[in-house]
Amino acid sequence: MTGATGFIGRQALPFLLDNGYEVHATHAGPVPTDTSGVKWHKADLLDPNDTARVFTDVRPTHLIHFACM
């Protein structure tokens, strides 16, 4: 998930976790402390190398994009 620390993204996290999804999220700053169960990946999504690294590491089946830039 992108934008997991934003207004809409942080509202979606509990729903996804409560419904059994394995949630991986990106962050640019410090890892939020109130998101138990989320697997965080530090990445600058405007950097193609960071984006490729996250996709290679996670191998996601779905992508929820809540980030705004």
C-alpha atoms as a PDB file:
ATOM      1  CA  MET A   1       0.000   0.000   0.000  1.00  0.00           C
ATOM      2  CA  THR A   2       1.170   3.487  -0.733  1.00  0.00           C
ATOM      3  CA  GLY A   3      -0.096   6.371   1.362  1.00  0.00           C
ATOM      4  CA  ALA A   4      -0.630   4.204   4.445  1.00  0.00           C
ATOM      5  CA  THR A   5       0.314   7.085   6.733  1.00  0.00           C
ATOM      6  CA  GLY A   6      -2.150   9.495   5.131  1.00  0.00           C
ATOM      7  CA  PHE A   7      -5.739  10.269   6.079  1.00  0.00           C
ATOM      8  CA  ILE A   8      -7.396   7.594   3.911  1.00  0.00           C
ATOM      9  CA  GLY A   9      -4.598   5.011   3.985  1.00  0.00           C
ATOM     10  CA  ARG A  10      -4.398   4.795   7.765  1.00  0.00           C
ATOM     11  CA  GLN A  11      -8.178   4.226   7.887  1.00  0.00           C
ATOM     12  CA  ALA A  12      -7.833   1.288   5.474  1.00  0.00           C
ATOM     13  CA  LEU A  13      -5.071  -0.499   7.413  1.00  0.00           C
ATOM     14  CA  PRO A  14      -7.265  -1.943  10.213  1.00  0.00           C
ATOM     15  CA  PHE A  15      -9.865  -3.147   7.693  1.00  0.00           C
ATOM     16  CA  LEU A  16      -7.242  -4.987   5.630  1.00  0.00           C
ATOM     17  CA  LEU A  17      -5.526  -6.499   8.665  1.00  0.00           C
ATOM     18  CA  ASP A  18      -8.823  -7.541  10.301  1.00  0.00           C
ATOM     19  CA  ASN A  19      -9.786  -9.327   7.084  1.00  0.00           C
ATOM     20  CA  GLY A  20      -6.629 -11.408   6.989  1.00  0.00           C
ATOM     21  CA  TYR A  21      -4.593  -9.550   4.389  1.00  0.00           C
ATOM     22  CA  GLU A  22      -0.821  -9.442   4.630  1.00  0.00           C
ATOM     23  CA  VAL A  23      -0.195  -5.718   4.441  1.00  0.00           C
ATOM     24  CA  HIS A  24       3.055  -4.216   3.198  1.00  0.00           C
ATOM     25  CA  ALA A  25       3.288  -0.448   3.114  1.00  0.00           C
ATOM     26  CA  THR A  26       5.852   2.088   2.012  1.00  0.00           C
ATOM     27  CA  HIS A  27       7.049   5.053   4.016  1.00  0.00           C
ATOM     28  CA  ALA A  28       9.488   7.881   3.411  1.00  0.00           C
ATOM     29  CA  GLY A  29       9.912   9.105   6.998  1.00  0.00           C
ATOM     30  CA  PRO A  30       9.943   7.312  10.333  1.00  0.00           C
ATOM     31  CA  VAL A  31       7.914   4.109  10.637  1.00  0.00           C
ATOM     32  CA  PRO A  32       4.575   4.873  12.312  1.00  0.00           C
ATOM     33  CA  THR A  33       4.394   3.306  15.758  1.00  0.00           C
ATOM     34  CA  ASP A  34       0.649   2.583  15.911  1.00  0.00           C
ATOM     35  CA  THR A  35       0.388   0.123  13.016  1.00  0.00           C
ATOM     36  CA  SER A  36       0.941  -3.333  14.452  1.00  0.00           C
ATOM     37  CA  GLY A  37       0.857  -6.060  11.817  1.00  0.00           C
ATOM     38  CA  VAL A  38       1.960  -3.876   8.902  1.00  0.00           C
ATOM     39  CA  LYS A  39       5.261  -4.722   7.204  1.00  0.00           C
ATOM     40  CA  TRP A  40       6.923  -1.401   6.392  1.00  0.00           C
ATOM     41  CA  HIS A  41       9.353  -0.710   3.540  1.00  0.00           C
ATOM     42  CA  LYS A  42      11.318   2.536   3.404  1.00  0.00           C
ATOM     43  CA  ALA A  43      11.163   3.824  -0.158  1.00  0.00           C
ATOM     44  CA  ASP A  44      11.073   7.001  -2.194  1.00  0.00           C
ATOM     45  CA  LEU A  45       8.406   6.120  -4.753  1.00  0.00           C
ATOM     46  CA  LEU A  46       9.772   8.749  -7.139  1.00  0.00           C
ATOM     47  CA  ASP A  47      13.041   6.787  -7.291  1.00  0.00           C
ATOM     48  CA  PRO A  48      12.707   3.927  -9.806  1.00  0.00           C
ATOM     49  CA  ASN A  49      15.360   1.876  -7.983  1.00  0.00           C
ATOM     50  CA  ASP A  50      13.472   2.084  -4.669  1.00  0.00           C
ATOM     51  CA  THR A  51      10.199   1.177  -6.352  1.00  0.00           C
ATOM     52  CA  ALA A  52      11.773  -1.802  -8.146  1.00  0.00           C
ATOM     53  CA  ARG A  53      13.382  -2.985  -4.896  1.00  0.00           C
ATOM     54  CA  VAL A  54      10.056  -2.982  -3.033  1.00  0.00           C
ATOM     55  CA  PHE A  55       8.320  -4.892  -5.829  1.00  0.00           C
ATOM     56  CA  THR A  56      11.173  -7.408  -5.994  1.00  0.00           C
ATOM     57  CA  ASP A  57      11.214  -7.904  -2.219  1.00  0.00           C
ATOM     58  CA  VAL A  58       7.437  -8.113  -1.704  1.00  0.00           C
ATOM     59  CA  ARG A  59       6.152  -9.620  -4.974  1.00  0.00           C
ATOM     60  CA  PRO A  60       2.651  -8.202  -4.359  1.00  0.00           C
ATOM     61  CA  THR A  61      -0.526  -9.635  -5.835  1.00  0.00           C
ATOM     62  CA  HIS A  62      -2.424  -6.359  -5.315  1.00  0.00           C
ATOM     63  CA  LEU A  63      -1.526  -2.689  -5.006  1.00  0.00           C
ATOM     64  CA  ILE A  64      -3.603  -0.066  -3.234  1.00  0.00           C
ATOM     65  CA  HIS A  65      -2.355   3.405  -4.109  1.00  0.00           C
ATOM     66  CA  PHE A  66      -3.446   6.081  -1.634  1.00  0.00           C
ATOM     67  CA  ALA A  67      -0.347   8.275  -1.939  1.00  0.00           C
ATOM     68  CA  CYS A  68      -0.630  11.712  -3.415  1.00  0.00           C
ATOM     69  CA  MET A  69       2.404  13.523  -4.685  1.00  0.00           C
END
